Amino acid sequence: MKAALEFFNKAILYDKSNTKALKNRGNTLAKLERFQEAKADYFKILDILPNDGGTMMNLGNIMHQTGEVEKACQYWQKALNNGYNDAQKMITKYCKK
């Protein structure tokens, strides 16, 4: 994963608005449990693409993993509202009705 991070870092250094590289780096950081860094990348994506349901889903997943269930549910709901239908599974499983 270290090589992947280096690749994504270079891509982002070249183009700070490369949302694909930001998302891939965020995903890699999340797998490494470097959640704060992953969240920072996802928030950068939302600055560029404010309606990106996949990024909202990823943020919800990180919030859930770090024990912030209420925030996770909020991000999953935003993901669902922006067309990311897989978020419904997480909402049903983890969020109060």
Protein backbone atom coordinates (compact mmCIF):
# COMPACT_ATOMS: atom_id res chain seq x y z
CA MET A 1 0.00 0.00 0.00
CA LYS A 2 2.97 2.30 0.52
CA ALA A 3 3.66 2.34 -3.23
CA ALA A 4 0.02 3.20 -3.91
CA LEU A 5 0.16 6.09 -1.44
CA GLU A 6 3.28 7.44 -3.10
CA PHE A 7 1.60 7.24 -6.50
CA PHE A 8 -1.53 9.05 -5.26
CA ASN A 9 0.58 11.67 -3.46
CA LYS A 10 2.43 12.43 -6.71
CA ALA A 11 -0.81 12.65 -8.68
CA ILE A 12 -2.29 15.05 -6.13
CA LEU A 13 0.90 17.10 -5.98
CA TYR A 14 0.63 17.54 -9.75
CA ASP A 15 -3.11 18.31 -9.65
CA LYS A 16 -4.64 19.18 -6.27
CA SER A 17 -8.15 18.88 -7.73
CA ASN A 18 -7.64 15.28 -8.93
CA THR A 19 -10.68 13.83 -7.20
CA LYS A 20 -9.96 10.30 -8.41
CA ALA A 21 -6.50 10.34 -6.80
CA LEU A 22 -7.90 11.97 -3.65
CA LYS A 23 -10.58 9.27 -3.36
CA ASN A 24 -8.10 6.47 -3.95
CA ARG A 25 -5.66 7.93 -1.44
CA GLY A 26 -8.49 8.39 1.06
CA ASN A 27 -9.57 4.79 0.58
CA THR A 28 -5.99 3.58 1.06
CA LEU A 29 -5.56 5.70 4.19
CA ALA A 30 -8.84 4.36 5.57
CA LYS A 31 -7.64 0.77 5.04
CA LEU A 32 -4.51 1.71 6.98
CA GLU A 33 -6.78 3.12 9.72
CA ARG A 34 -5.36 6.60 9.20
CA PHE A 35 -8.87 7.97 9.49
CA GLN A 36 -8.12 11.67 10.05
CA GLU A 37 -6.04 11.83 6.88
CA ALA A 38 -8.67 9.91 4.94
CA LYS A 39 -11.40 12.28 6.13
CA ALA A 40 -9.30 15.26 5.06
CA ASP A 41 -9.08 13.85 1.52
CA TYR A 42 -12.81 13.15 1.41
CA PHE A 43 -13.61 16.69 2.58
CA LYS A 44 -11.37 18.05 -0.19
CA ILE A 45 -13.39 16.03 -2.70
CA LEU A 46 -16.63 17.45 -1.35
CA ASP A 47 -15.22 20.97 -1.74
CA ILE A 48 -14.85 20.18 -5.45
CA LEU A 49 -17.81 17.83 -5.91
CA PRO A 50 -20.32 18.69 -3.17
CA ASN A 51 -22.88 16.11 -4.33
CA ASP A 52 -20.56 13.09 -4.55
CA GLY A 53 -22.60 10.35 -2.90
CA GLY A 54 -19.71 7.87 -2.91
CA THR A 55 -17.53 10.24 -0.92
CA MET A 56 -20.36 10.86 1.53
CA MET A 57 -20.71 7.09 1.89
CA ASN A 58 -16.99 6.78 2.61
CA LEU A 59 -17.18 9.53 5.24
CA GLY A 60 -20.11 7.74 6.85
CA ASN A 61 -18.12 4.53 6.97
CA ILE A 62 -15.17 6.24 8.66
CA MET A 63 -17.44 8.00 11.14
CA HIS A 64 -18.97 4.64 12.00
CA GLN A 65 -15.56 3.01 12.43
CA THR A 66 -14.47 5.79 14.80
CA GLY A 67 -17.63 5.53 16.90
CA GLU A 68 -19.37 8.63 15.56
CA VAL A 69 -22.57 6.80 14.67
CA GLU A 70 -24.83 9.86 14.54
CA LYS A 71 -22.48 11.60 12.09
CA ALA A 72 -22.17 8.36 10.12
CA CYS A 73 -25.93 8.23 9.74
CA GLN A 74 -26.00 11.84 8.58
CA TYR A 75 -23.41 11.17 5.87
CA TRP A 76 -25.11 7.96 4.78
CA GLN A 77 -28.39 9.87 4.49
CA LYS A 78 -26.65 12.53 2.39
CA ALA A 79 -25.17 9.78 0.23
CA LEU A 80 -28.62 8.27 -0.27
CA ASN A 81 -30.09 11.68 -1.07
CA ASN A 82 -27.40 12.12 -3.73
CA GLY A 83 -28.18 8.85 -5.48
CA TYR A 84 -25.86 6.43 -3.67
CA ASN A 85 -28.49 3.77 -3.01
CA ASP A 86 -26.13 1.35 -1.21
CA ALA A 87 -26.22 3.76 1.72
CA GLN A 88 -29.70 2.49 2.56
CA LYS A 89 -28.23 -0.79 3.81
CA MET A 90 -26.07 1.04 6.34
CA ILE A 91 -28.92 3.31 7.41
CA THR A 92 -31.20 0.33 7.96
CA LYS A 93 -28.55 -1.59 9.89
CA TYR A 94 -27.03 1.14 12.09
CA CYS A 95 -29.30 4.17 12.28
CA LYS A 96 -32.27 4.72 14.57
CA LYS A 97 -35.57 5.18 12.87
